Amino acid sequence: MEIEVKLRLPNAATHNRVLSLLTPFLLKTHHQENFFFDGVSRELSSKRAVLRVRFYDNDSLCVVCLKAKAVIVDGVSRVEEDEEEIEPSIGRDCLSDPSKLGSIDSRILKRVRDEFGVENGGFVCLGGFKNVRNVFEWKGLKLEVDQTDFEFGTCYEIECESADPEKAKKLIEEFLKENGVEYSYSEKSKFAIFRSGKLPYILVKMKMILKSVDVVLVGSMLCVRFVHKKGSILESSSCVARLTQRNLASALTHPKSLVTSTALECSELLVSMNFPSIIIFWNKNTTCTMCSISPKVLKLV
């Protein structure tokens, strides 16, 4: 059983910030290529398992790994894992022709045949992704800071394998908070993200003082403009998801601009970087507003 702490970093800037903070503790950097395989009849995936072949640093090493029954709860991943080294040239041959996986001399491939019923020649390659892993020795922990490049985007993550994950997670979280680094608990494995074909939700906390909120209803579209106290403007428009603050909800029946008479303090602005929605929590009079807006067009002017 592999037990790891997994913390998601929201963007490249945050990832670079973490790398900079941990530079004195750097052990090594790995450039990985990861490829995944299943049986032609989904013999592995139907039992929540997957076969991975990973190449390190221009084929200096190749590791085949069988993973099964992965679970991630509160940033802690638990997965059954068995791995073994094979010759990189053999790994490349299997990548070119997945049917060769059934004939190589491997303890793990024997398990796949015996336990999952994948017959010789019955493998299919699902594709894969690249990963740059920086490994650090920090406070008795081995931290792995990843930049994972999928065809549809890039994710950033901190991983730490530990027999006491809650203690390790506490240490890492304290370090990130002390240095003002935004993060969230990972909810999906890299493989799950790869199979979904889209980046996960990434929530980023921001603090700001809003001078006014303008709301205009245009047909079924709700146009929202947030004016920062210092004069900067955040603008966007999208279909209404839900409005619970009374003065904004009235925009549904009164299609005109509504401007708040007093400045509002936005205690938390949670932005999903990869999904077209934003949830805005107001702590002014314990009210709450929710609207659906595209983060791609939401920016400081």
C-alpha atoms as a PDB file:
ATOM      1  CA  MET A   1       0.000   0.000   0.000  1.00  0.00           C
ATOM      2  CA  GLU A   2       1.395   3.372  -1.055  1.00  0.00           C
ATOM      3  CA  ILE A   3       0.254   6.275   1.163  1.00  0.00           C
ATOM      4  CA  GLU A   4       0.986   9.803  -0.010  1.00  0.00           C
ATOM      5  CA  VAL A   5       0.085  13.374   0.836  1.00  0.00           C
ATOM      6  CA  LYS A   6      -1.043  15.155  -2.335  1.00  0.00           C
ATOM      7  CA  LEU A   7      -1.464  18.929  -2.419  1.00  0.00           C
ATOM      8  CA  ARG A   8      -2.487  20.755  -5.591  1.00  0.00           C
ATOM      9  CA  LEU A   9      -0.778  24.037  -6.533  1.00  0.00           C
ATOM     10  CA  PRO A  10      -2.948  26.448  -8.563  1.00  0.00           C
ATOM     11  CA  ASN A  11      -0.538  27.706 -11.210  1.00  0.00           C
ATOM     12  CA  ALA A  12       3.013  27.976 -12.544  1.00  0.00           C
ATOM     13  CA  ALA A  13       3.848  31.012 -10.414  1.00  0.00           C
ATOM     14  CA  THR A  14       2.949  29.155  -7.215  1.00  0.00           C
ATOM     15  CA  HIS A  15       4.896  26.111  -8.389  1.00  0.00           C
ATOM     16  CA  ASN A  16       7.973  28.249  -9.058  1.00  0.00           C
ATOM     17  CA  ARG A  17       7.584  29.890  -5.655  1.00  0.00           C
ATOM     18  CA  VAL A  18       7.649  26.478  -3.939  1.00  0.00           C
ATOM     19  CA  LEU A  19      10.696  25.398  -5.962  1.00  0.00           C
ATOM     20  CA  SER A  20      12.492  28.584  -4.936  1.00  0.00           C
ATOM     21  CA  LEU A  21      11.693  28.107  -1.243  1.00  0.00           C
ATOM     22  CA  LEU A  22      12.901  24.493  -1.325  1.00  0.00           C
ATOM     23  CA  THR A  23      16.027  25.040  -3.456  1.00  0.00           C
ATOM     24  CA  PRO A  24      18.490  24.453  -0.555  1.00  0.00           C
ATOM     25  CA  PHE A  25      16.971  20.991  -0.043  1.00  0.00           C
ATOM     26  CA  LEU A  26      17.018  19.786  -3.672  1.00  0.00           C
ATOM     27  CA  LEU A  27      18.247  16.210  -4.166  1.00  0.00           C
ATOM     28  CA  LYS A  28      17.531  15.565  -7.835  1.00  0.00           C
ATOM     29  CA  THR A  29      15.243  16.305 -10.770  1.00  0.00           C
ATOM     30  CA  HIS A  30      13.593  13.581 -12.850  1.00  0.00           C
ATOM     31  CA  HIS A  31      12.076  13.892 -16.312  1.00  0.00           C
ATOM     32  CA  GLN A  32       9.445  11.179 -16.539  1.00  0.00           C
ATOM     33  CA  GLU A  33       7.329   9.756 -19.350  1.00  0.00           C
ATOM     34  CA  ASN A  34       4.276   7.836 -18.183  1.00  0.00           C
ATOM     35  CA  PHE A  35       2.241   5.446 -20.322  1.00  0.00           C
ATOM     36  CA  PHE A  36      -0.791   3.430 -19.239  1.00  0.00           C
ATOM     37  CA  PHE A  37      -2.180   0.106 -20.389  1.00  0.00           C
ATOM     38  CA  ASP A  38      -5.381  -1.881 -19.994  1.00  0.00           C
ATOM     39  CA  GLY A  39      -6.675  -5.170 -21.332  1.00  0.00           C
ATOM     40  CA  VAL A  40      -8.546  -5.017 -24.629  1.00  0.00           C
ATOM     41  CA  SER A  41     -11.717  -5.939 -22.732  1.00  0.00           C
ATOM     42  CA  ARG A  42     -11.004  -3.486 -19.868  1.00  0.00           C
ATOM     43  CA  GLU A  43      -9.922  -6.321 -17.578  1.00  0.00           C
ATOM     44  CA  LEU A  44      -7.861  -3.909 -15.438  1.00  0.00           C
ATOM     45  CA  SER A  45      -9.987  -0.753 -15.369  1.00  0.00           C
ATOM     46  CA  SER A  46     -13.146  -2.751 -14.641  1.00  0.00           C
ATOM     47  CA  LYS A  47     -11.446  -3.768 -11.380  1.00  0.00           C
ATOM     48  CA  ARG A  48     -10.122  -0.253 -10.633  1.00  0.00           C
ATOM     49  CA  ALA A  49      -6.585  -1.132 -11.677  1.00  0.00           C
ATOM     50  CA  VAL A  50      -4.125   0.168 -14.266  1.00  0.00           C
ATOM     51  CA  LEU A  51      -0.723  -0.833 -15.587  1.00  0.00           C
ATOM     52  CA  ARG A  52       1.850   1.965 -15.924  1.00  0.00           C
ATOM     53  CA  VAL A  53       5.193   1.972 -17.703  1.00  0.00           C
ATOM     54  CA  ARG A  54       7.397   4.900 -16.658  1.00  0.00           C
ATOM     55  CA  PHE A  55      10.617   6.010 -18.331  1.00  0.00           C
ATOM     56  CA  TYR A  56      13.116   8.158 -16.429  1.00  0.00           C
ATOM     57  CA  ASP A  57      15.604  10.701 -17.754  1.00  0.00           C
ATOM     58  CA  ASN A  58      16.043   9.732 -21.404  1.00  0.00           C
ATOM     59  CA  ASP A  59      15.554   5.998 -20.765  1.00  0.00           C
ATOM     60  CA  SER A  60      18.130   5.676 -17.999  1.00  0.00           C
ATOM     61  CA  LEU A  61      15.507   3.650 -16.117  1.00  0.00           C
ATOM     62  CA  CYS A  62      12.153   2.002 -16.850  1.00  0.00           C
ATOM     63  CA  VAL A  63       9.686   0.861 -14.177  1.00  0.00           C
ATOM     64  CA  VAL A  64       6.491  -1.103 -14.721  1.00  0.00           C
ATOM     65  CA  CYS A  65       3.871  -0.585 -12.022  1.00  0.00           C
ATOM     66  CA  LEU A  66       0.498  -2.118 -11.208  1.00  0.00           C
ATOM     67  CA  LYS A  67      -1.815   0.207  -9.288  1.00  0.00           C
ATOM     68  CA  ALA A  68      -5.244  -0.697  -7.933  1.00  0.00           C
ATOM     69  CA  LYS A  69      -8.116   0.672  -5.832  1.00  0.00           C
ATOM     70  CA  ALA A  70      -6.847   4.235  -5.494  1.00  0.00           C
ATOM     71  CA  VAL A  71      -8.632   6.456  -2.949  1.00  0.00           C
ATOM     72  CA  ILE A  72      -7.910  10.116  -2.145  1.00  0.00           C
ATOM     73  CA  VAL A  73      -9.484  11.701   0.937  1.00  0.00           C
ATOM     74  CA  ASP A  74      -8.533  15.119   2.353  1.00  0.00           C
ATOM     75  CA  GLY A  75      -5.305  15.255   0.383  1.00  0.00           C
ATOM     76  CA  VAL A  76      -4.142  11.761   1.375  1.00  0.00           C
ATOM     77  CA  SER A  77      -3.904   9.078  -1.313  1.00  0.00           C
ATOM     78  CA  ARG A  78      -3.945   5.355  -0.634  1.00  0.00           C
ATOM     79  CA  VAL A  79      -3.381   2.886  -3.447  1.00  0.00           C
ATOM     80  CA  GLU A  80      -2.282  -0.714  -3.800  1.00  0.00           C
ATOM     81  CA  GLU A  81       1.011  -0.579  -5.715  1.00  0.00           C
ATOM     82  CA  ASP A  82       3.486  -3.135  -7.018  1.00  0.00           C
ATOM     83  CA  GLU A  83       6.408  -2.164  -9.241  1.00  0.00           C
ATOM     84  CA  GLU A  84       9.518  -3.592 -10.824  1.00  0.00           C
ATOM     85  CA  GLU A  85      12.310  -2.431 -13.104  1.00  0.00           C
ATOM     86  CA  ILE A  86      12.577  -3.662 -16.685  1.00  0.00           C
ATOM     87  CA  GLU A  87      15.028  -2.880 -19.459  1.00  0.00           C
ATOM     88  CA  PRO A  88      14.139   0.483 -21.052  1.00  0.00           C
ATOM     89  CA  SER A  89      14.523  -1.008 -24.531  1.00  0.00           C
ATOM     90  CA  ILE A  90      11.921  -3.666 -23.652  1.00  0.00           C
ATOM     91  CA  GLY A  91       9.623  -0.943 -22.332  1.00  0.00           C
ATOM     92  CA  ARG A  92       9.934   0.961 -25.612  1.00  0.00           C
ATOM     93  CA  ASP A  93       9.194  -2.178 -27.591  1.00  0.00           C
ATOM     94  CA  CYS A  94       6.024  -2.707 -25.560  1.00  0.00           C
ATOM     95  CA  LEU A  95       5.025   0.905 -26.125  1.00  0.00           C
ATOM     96  CA  SER A  96       5.357   0.392 -29.884  1.00  0.00           C
ATOM     97  CA  ASP A  97       3.548  -2.936 -29.728  1.00  0.00           C
ATOM     98  CA  PRO A  98       1.457  -3.414 -26.528  1.00  0.00           C
ATOM     99  CA  SER A  99       0.899  -7.077 -27.345  1.00  0.00           C
ATOM    100  CA  LYS A 100       4.532  -7.715 -26.334  1.00  0.00           C
ATOM    101  CA  LEU A 101       3.624  -6.975 -22.693  1.00  0.00           C
ATOM    102  CA  GLY A 102       2.149 -10.451 -22.509  1.00  0.00           C
ATOM    103  CA  SER A 103       5.390 -12.180 -23.358  1.00  0.00           C
ATOM    104  CA  ILE A 104       8.040 -10.360 -21.305  1.00  0.00           C
ATOM    105  CA  ASP A 105       9.554 -12.040 -18.256  1.00  0.00           C
ATOM    106  CA  SER A 106       8.048  -9.957 -15.466  1.00  0.00           C
ATOM    107  CA  ARG A 107       6.578 -10.776 -12.071  1.00  0.00           C
ATOM    108  CA  ILE A 108       4.046  -7.947 -12.419  1.00  0.00           C
ATOM    109  CA  LEU A 109       2.946  -8.942 -15.909  1.00  0.00           C
ATOM    110  CA  LYS A 110       2.438 -12.491 -14.606  1.00  0.00           C
ATOM    111  CA  ARG A 111       0.145 -11.008 -11.921  1.00  0.00           C
ATOM    112  CA  VAL A 112      -1.780  -9.130 -14.585  1.00  0.00           C
ATOM    113  CA  ARG A 113      -2.279 -12.335 -16.545  1.00  0.00           C
ATOM    114  CA  ASP A 114      -3.091 -14.543 -13.551  1.00  0.00           C
ATOM    115  CA  GLU A 115      -5.148 -12.152 -11.392  1.00  0.00           C
ATOM    116  CA  PHE A 116      -6.879 -10.029 -14.017  1.00  0.00           C
ATOM    117  CA  GLY A 117      -7.151 -12.507 -16.853  1.00  0.00           C
ATOM    118  CA  VAL A 118      -5.410 -10.455 -19.506  1.00  0.00           C
ATOM    119  CA  GLU A 119      -4.323 -12.935 -22.136  1.00  0.00           C
ATOM    120  CA  ASN A 120      -1.031 -12.737 -24.052  1.00  0.00           C
ATOM    121  CA  GLY A 121      -1.323 -10.039 -26.687  1.00  0.00           C
ATOM    122  CA  GLY A 122      -4.463  -8.637 -25.109  1.00  0.00           C
ATOM    123  CA  PHE A 123      -3.134  -5.224 -24.081  1.00  0.00           C
ATOM    124  CA  VAL A 124      -3.993  -1.747 -25.333  1.00  0.00           C
ATOM    125  CA  CYS A 125      -2.098   1.492 -24.687  1.00  0.00           C
ATOM    126  CA  LEU A 126      -4.285   4.272 -23.252  1.00  0.00           C
ATOM    127  CA  GLY A 127      -1.730   7.028 -23.870  1.00  0.00           C
ATOM    128  CA  GLY A 128       0.122   9.053 -21.269  1.00  0.00           C
ATOM    129  CA  PHE A 129       1.751  12.283 -20.153  1.00  0.00           C
ATOM    130  CA  LYS A 130       5.080  13.789 -19.145  1.00  0.00           C
ATOM    131  CA  ASN A 131       6.116  14.871 -15.670  1.00  0.00           C
ATOM    132  CA  VAL A 132       9.024  16.891 -14.279  1.00  0.00           C
ATOM    133  CA  ARG A 133       9.652  15.870 -10.660  1.00  0.00           C
ATOM    134  CA  ASN A 134      11.896  17.817  -8.319  1.00  0.00           C
ATOM    135  CA  VAL A 135      12.784  15.788  -5.229  1.00  0.00           C
ATOM    136  CA  PHE A 136      13.673  17.475  -1.936  1.00  0.00           C
ATOM    137  CA  GLU A 137      14.850  16.198   1.461  1.00  0.00           C
ATOM    138  CA  TRP A 138      13.079  18.513   3.917  1.00  0.00           C
ATOM    139  CA  LYS A 139      12.561  18.078   7.673  1.00  0.00           C
ATOM    140  CA  GLY A 140      12.915  14.320   7.407  1.00  0.00           C
ATOM    141  CA  LEU A 141      10.393  14.151   4.560  1.00  0.00           C
ATOM    142  CA  LYS A 142      10.971  13.467   0.892  1.00  0.00           C
ATOM    143  CA  LEU A 143       8.951  16.053  -1.005  1.00  0.00           C
ATOM    144  CA  GLU A 144       8.241  15.602  -4.701  1.00  0.00           C
ATOM    145  CA  VAL A 145       7.138  18.753  -6.513  1.00  0.00           C
ATOM    146  CA  ASP A 146       5.610  17.898  -9.879  1.00  0.00           C
ATOM    147  CA  GLN A 147       4.852  19.716 -13.096  1.00  0.00           C
ATOM    148  CA  THR A 148       2.618  17.410 -15.124  1.00  0.00           C
ATOM    149  CA  ASP A 149       2.044  18.190 -18.796  1.00  0.00           C
ATOM    150  CA  PHE A 150      -1.119  16.746 -20.319  1.00  0.00           C
ATOM    151  CA  GLU A 151      -2.268  17.364 -23.881  1.00  0.00           C
ATOM    152  CA  PHE A 152      -5.035  19.571 -22.465  1.00  0.00           C
ATOM    153  CA  GLY A 153      -3.011  21.557 -19.915  1.00  0.00           C
ATOM    154  CA  THR A 154      -0.560  21.501 -17.017  1.00  0.00           C
ATOM    155  CA  CYS A 155      -1.040  20.598 -13.355  1.00  0.00           C
ATOM    156  CA  TYR A 156       1.232  21.278 -10.382  1.00  0.00           C
ATOM    157  CA  GLU A 157       1.350  19.186  -7.237  1.00  0.00           C
ATOM    158  CA  ILE A 158       3.327  18.377  -4.098  1.00  0.00           C
ATOM    159  CA  GLU A 159       3.546  14.702  -3.147  1.00  0.00           C
ATOM    160  CA  CYS A 160       5.030  13.141  -0.035  1.00  0.00           C
ATOM    161  CA  GLU A 161       5.002   9.434   0.737  1.00  0.00           C
ATOM    162  CA  SER A 162       4.753   8.823   4.476  1.00  0.00           C
ATOM    163  CA  ALA A 163       3.755   6.176   6.996  1.00  0.00           C
ATOM    164  CA  ASP A 164       2.213   9.026   9.030  1.00  0.00           C
ATOM    165  CA  PRO A 165       0.454  11.116   6.381  1.00  0.00           C
ATOM    166  CA  GLU A 166      -1.470  13.360   8.758  1.00  0.00           C
ATOM    167  CA  LYS A 167       1.732  14.473  10.485  1.00  0.00           C
ATOM    168  CA  ALA A 168       3.471  15.009   7.148  1.00  0.00           C
ATOM    169  CA  LYS A 169       0.494  16.925   5.780  1.00  0.00           C
ATOM    170  CA  LYS A 170       0.428  19.195   8.822  1.00  0.00           C
ATOM    171  CA  LEU A 171       4.137  20.040   8.431  1.00  0.00           C
ATOM    172  CA  ILE A 172       3.773  20.790   4.721  1.00  0.00           C
ATOM    173  CA  GLU A 173       0.624  22.865   5.193  1.00  0.00           C
ATOM    174  CA  GLU A 174       2.269  24.933   7.932  1.00  0.00           C
ATOM    175  CA  PHE A 175       5.229  25.572   5.630  1.00  0.00           C
ATOM    176  CA  LEU A 176       2.989  26.669   2.766  1.00  0.00           C
ATOM    177  CA  LYS A 177       0.838  28.917   4.949  1.00  0.00           C
ATOM    178  CA  GLU A 178       3.853  30.560   6.595  1.00  0.00           C
ATOM    179  CA  ASN A 179       5.152  31.459   3.147  1.00  0.00           C
ATOM    180  CA  GLY A 180       1.821  32.603   1.736  1.00  0.00           C
ATOM    181  CA  VAL A 181       1.589  29.767  -0.796  1.00  0.00           C
ATOM    182  CA  GLU A 182      -1.888  28.931  -2.084  1.00  0.00           C
ATOM    183  CA  TYR A 183      -2.779  25.236  -2.324  1.00  0.00           C
ATOM    184  CA  SER A 184      -5.673  22.821  -2.115  1.00  0.00           C
ATOM    185  CA  TYR A 185      -6.093  19.126  -1.401  1.00  0.00           C
ATOM    186  CA  SER A 186      -5.760  16.986  -4.513  1.00  0.00           C
ATOM    187  CA  GLU A 187      -9.014  15.191  -5.287  1.00  0.00           C
ATOM    188  CA  LYS A 188      -7.862  13.129  -8.263  1.00  0.00           C
ATOM    189  CA  SER A 189      -4.755  11.181  -9.192  1.00  0.00           C
ATOM    190  CA  LYS A 190      -2.749  12.203 -12.249  1.00  0.00           C
ATOM    191  CA  PHE A 191      -4.091   9.137 -14.053  1.00  0.00           C
ATOM    192  CA  ALA A 192      -7.688  10.085 -13.232  1.00  0.00           C
ATOM    193  CA  ILE A 193      -7.087  13.607 -14.548  1.00  0.00           C
ATOM    194  CA  PHE A 194      -5.519  12.157 -17.687  1.00  0.00           C
ATOM    195  CA  ARG A 195      -8.526   9.894 -18.290  1.00  0.00           C
ATOM    196  CA  SER A 196     -11.011  12.707 -17.669  1.00  0.00           C
ATOM    197  CA  GLY A 197      -9.407  14.799 -20.401  1.00  0.00           C
ATOM    198  CA  LYS A 198      -9.679  18.040 -18.435  1.00  0.00           C
ATOM    199  CA  LEU A 199      -7.909  19.827 -15.632  1.00  0.00           C
ATOM    200  CA  PRO A 200      -9.421  19.607 -12.129  1.00  0.00           C
ATOM    201  CA  TYR A 201     -11.097  22.387 -10.207  1.00  0.00           C
ATOM    202  CA  ILE A 202      -8.482  24.586  -8.565  1.00  0.00           C
ATOM    203  CA  LEU A 203      -9.757  26.934  -5.877  1.00  0.00           C
ATOM    204  CA  VAL A 204      -7.703  30.052  -5.202  1.00  0.00           C
ATOM    205  CA  LYS A 205      -8.445  32.310  -2.256  1.00  0.00           C
ATOM    206  CA  MET A 206      -8.128  36.056  -2.855  1.00  0.00           C
ATOM    207  CA  LYS A 207      -8.953  39.026  -0.686  1.00  0.00           C
ATOM    208  CA  MET A 208     -10.169  42.386  -1.956  1.00  0.00           C
ATOM    209  CA  ILE A 209     -12.333  45.346  -1.087  1.00  0.00           C
ATOM    210  CA  LEU A 210     -15.115  45.999  -3.587  1.00  0.00           C
ATOM    211  CA  LYS A 211     -16.311  49.537  -4.175  1.00  0.00           C
ATOM    212  CA  SER A 212     -19.419  48.559  -6.090  1.00  0.00           C
ATOM    213  CA  VAL A 213     -21.189  45.706  -7.801  1.00  0.00           C
ATOM    214  CA  ASP A 214     -23.094  46.404 -11.020  1.00  0.00           C
ATOM    215  CA  VAL A 215     -25.581  43.831 -12.284  1.00  0.00           C
ATOM    216  CA  VAL A 216     -27.388  44.047 -15.629  1.00  0.00           C
ATOM    217  CA  LEU A 217     -29.794  41.418 -16.942  1.00  0.00           C
ATOM    218  CA  VAL A 218     -29.677  41.089 -20.731  1.00  0.00           C
ATOM    219  CA  GLY A 219     -32.118  38.419 -21.859  1.00  0.00           C
ATOM    220  CA  SER A 220     -31.001  35.253 -20.078  1.00  0.00           C
ATOM    221  CA  MET A 221     -27.524  36.676 -19.516  1.00  0.00           C
ATOM    222  CA  LEU A 222     -26.463  38.258 -16.252  1.00  0.00           C
ATOM    223  CA  CYS A 223     -23.717  40.852 -16.703  1.00  0.00           C
ATOM    224  CA  VAL A 224     -21.709  41.483 -13.551  1.00  0.00           C
ATOM    225  CA  ARG A 225     -19.090  44.161 -12.990  1.00  0.00           C
ATOM    226  CA  PHE A 226     -16.981  44.263  -9.818  1.00  0.00           C
ATOM    227  CA  VAL A 227     -15.260  47.570  -9.165  1.00  0.00           C
ATOM    228  CA  HIS A 228     -12.217  47.276  -6.907  1.00  0.00           C
ATOM    229  CA  LYS A 229     -11.845  49.904  -4.192  1.00  0.00           C
ATOM    230  CA  LYS A 230      -8.686  51.190  -5.880  1.00  0.00           C
ATOM    231  CA  GLY A 231     -10.501  51.575  -9.184  1.00  0.00           C
ATOM    232  CA  SER A 232      -9.543  48.347 -10.928  1.00  0.00           C
ATOM    233  CA  ILE A 233     -12.416  46.615 -12.690  1.00  0.00           C
ATOM    234  CA  LEU A 234     -13.305  42.947 -12.933  1.00  0.00           C
ATOM    235  CA  GLU A 235     -15.869  42.236 -15.633  1.00  0.00           C
ATOM    236  CA  SER A 236     -17.679  39.244 -17.039  1.00  0.00           C
ATOM    237  CA  SER A 237     -21.071  37.909 -18.066  1.00  0.00           C
ATOM    238  CA  SER A 238     -22.749  34.512 -18.162  1.00  0.00           C
ATOM    239  CA  CYS A 239     -26.016  32.719 -17.485  1.00  0.00           C
ATOM    240  CA  VAL A 240     -27.401  32.999 -13.973  1.00  0.00           C
ATOM    241  CA  ALA A 241     -26.527  30.061 -11.736  1.00  0.00           C
ATOM    242  CA  ARG A 242     -27.904  31.191  -8.414  1.00  0.00           C
ATOM    243  CA  LEU A 243     -28.298  34.493  -6.560  1.00  0.00           C
ATOM    244  CA  THR A 244     -29.051  34.578  -2.849  1.00  0.00           C
ATOM    245  CA  GLN A 245     -28.179  38.171  -1.961  1.00  0.00           C
ATOM    246  CA  ARG A 246     -31.432  40.136  -2.079  1.00  0.00           C
ATOM    247  CA  ASN A 247     -30.275  43.235  -3.935  1.00  0.00           C
ATOM    248  CA  LEU A 248     -28.587  41.202  -6.679  1.00  0.00           C
ATOM    249  CA  ALA A 249     -31.501  38.789  -6.967  1.00  0.00           C
ATOM    250  CA  SER A 250     -33.738  41.734  -7.805  1.00  0.00           C
ATOM    251  CA  ALA A 251     -31.791  42.028 -11.066  1.00  0.00           C
ATOM    252  CA  LEU A 252     -33.820  39.064 -12.256  1.00  0.00           C
ATOM    253  CA  THR A 253     -36.995  41.148 -12.239  1.00  0.00           C
ATOM    254  CA  HIS A 254     -35.483  44.597 -12.806  1.00  0.00           C
ATOM    255  CA  PRO A 255     -33.188  44.526 -15.861  1.00  0.00           C
ATOM    256  CA  LYS A 256     -31.129  47.542 -14.969  1.00  0.00           C
ATOM    257  CA  SER A 257     -27.807  48.286 -13.342  1.00  0.00           C
ATOM    258  CA  LEU A 258     -27.701  47.895  -9.581  1.00  0.00           C
ATOM    259  CA  VAL A 259     -24.907  49.627  -7.716  1.00  0.00           C
ATOM    260  CA  THR A 260     -24.298  49.080  -4.025  1.00  0.00           C
ATOM    261  CA  SER A 261     -24.316  52.234  -1.949  1.00  0.00           C
ATOM    262  CA  THR A 262     -21.505  51.144   0.358  1.00  0.00           C
ATOM    263  CA  ALA A 263     -18.226  49.345  -0.104  1.00  0.00           C
ATOM    264  CA  LEU A 264     -18.338  45.605   0.497  1.00  0.00           C
ATOM    265  CA  GLU A 265     -15.535  43.487   1.860  1.00  0.00           C
ATOM    266  CA  CYS A 266     -15.127  40.288  -0.107  1.00  0.00           C
ATOM    267  CA  SER A 267     -13.537  37.954   2.417  1.00  0.00           C
ATOM    268  CA  GLU A 268     -13.027  35.047   0.042  1.00  0.00           C
ATOM    269  CA  LEU A 269     -13.125  34.894  -3.707  1.00  0.00           C
ATOM    270  CA  LEU A 270     -12.887  31.264  -4.725  1.00  0.00           C
ATOM    271  CA  VAL A 271     -11.952  30.971  -8.371  1.00  0.00           C
ATOM    272  CA  SER A 272     -12.046  27.736 -10.318  1.00  0.00           C
ATOM    273  CA  MET A 273      -9.135  28.227 -12.717  1.00  0.00           C
ATOM    274  CA  ASN A 274     -10.252  25.511 -15.122  1.00  0.00           C
ATOM    275  CA  PHE A 275     -14.023  25.561 -15.011  1.00  0.00           C
ATOM    276  CA  PRO A 276     -16.364  28.397 -16.021  1.00  0.00           C
ATOM    277  CA  SER A 277     -17.761  29.242 -12.618  1.00  0.00           C
ATOM    278  CA  ILE A 278     -16.948  31.456  -9.687  1.00  0.00           C
ATOM    279  CA  ILE A 279     -18.444  31.384  -6.221  1.00  0.00           C
ATOM    280  CA  ILE A 280     -18.255  34.689  -4.361  1.00  0.00           C
ATOM    281  CA  PHE A 281     -18.764  34.539  -0.605  1.00  0.00           C
ATOM    282  CA  TRP A 282     -19.654  37.834   1.021  1.00  0.00           C
ATOM    283  CA  ASN A 283     -19.244  38.299   4.754  1.00  0.00           C
ATOM    284  CA  LYS A 284     -21.086  41.608   4.692  1.00  0.00           C
ATOM    285  CA  ASN A 285     -24.212  41.024   6.815  1.00  0.00           C
ATOM    286  CA  THR A 286     -23.603  37.256   6.457  1.00  0.00           C
ATOM    287  CA  THR A 287     -25.074  37.329   2.960  1.00  0.00           C
ATOM    288  CA  CYS A 288     -23.872  35.216   0.080  1.00  0.00           C
ATOM    289  CA  THR A 289     -23.882  35.639  -3.666  1.00  0.00           C
ATOM    290  CA  MET A 290     -23.292  32.929  -6.229  1.00  0.00           C
ATOM    291  CA  CYS A 291     -23.064  33.524  -9.957  1.00  0.00           C
ATOM    292  CA  SER A 292     -21.605  31.691 -12.906  1.00  0.00           C
ATOM    293  CA  ILE A 293     -18.864  33.617 -14.668  1.00  0.00           C
ATOM    294  CA  SER A 294     -16.051  32.624 -16.984  1.00  0.00           C
ATOM    295  CA  PRO A 295     -12.631  33.072 -15.362  1.00  0.00           C
ATOM    296  CA  LYS A 296     -11.090  33.323 -18.832  1.00  0.00           C
ATOM    297  CA  VAL A 297     -12.551  36.804 -19.272  1.00  0.00           C
ATOM    298  CA  LEU A 298     -12.385  37.807 -15.638  1.00  0.00           C
ATOM    299  CA  LYS A 299      -9.243  39.853 -15.077  1.00  0.00           C
ATOM    300  CA  LEU A 300      -7.924  42.999 -13.488  1.00  0.00           C
ATOM    301  CA  VAL A 301      -7.900  45.914 -15.924  1.00  0.00           C
END
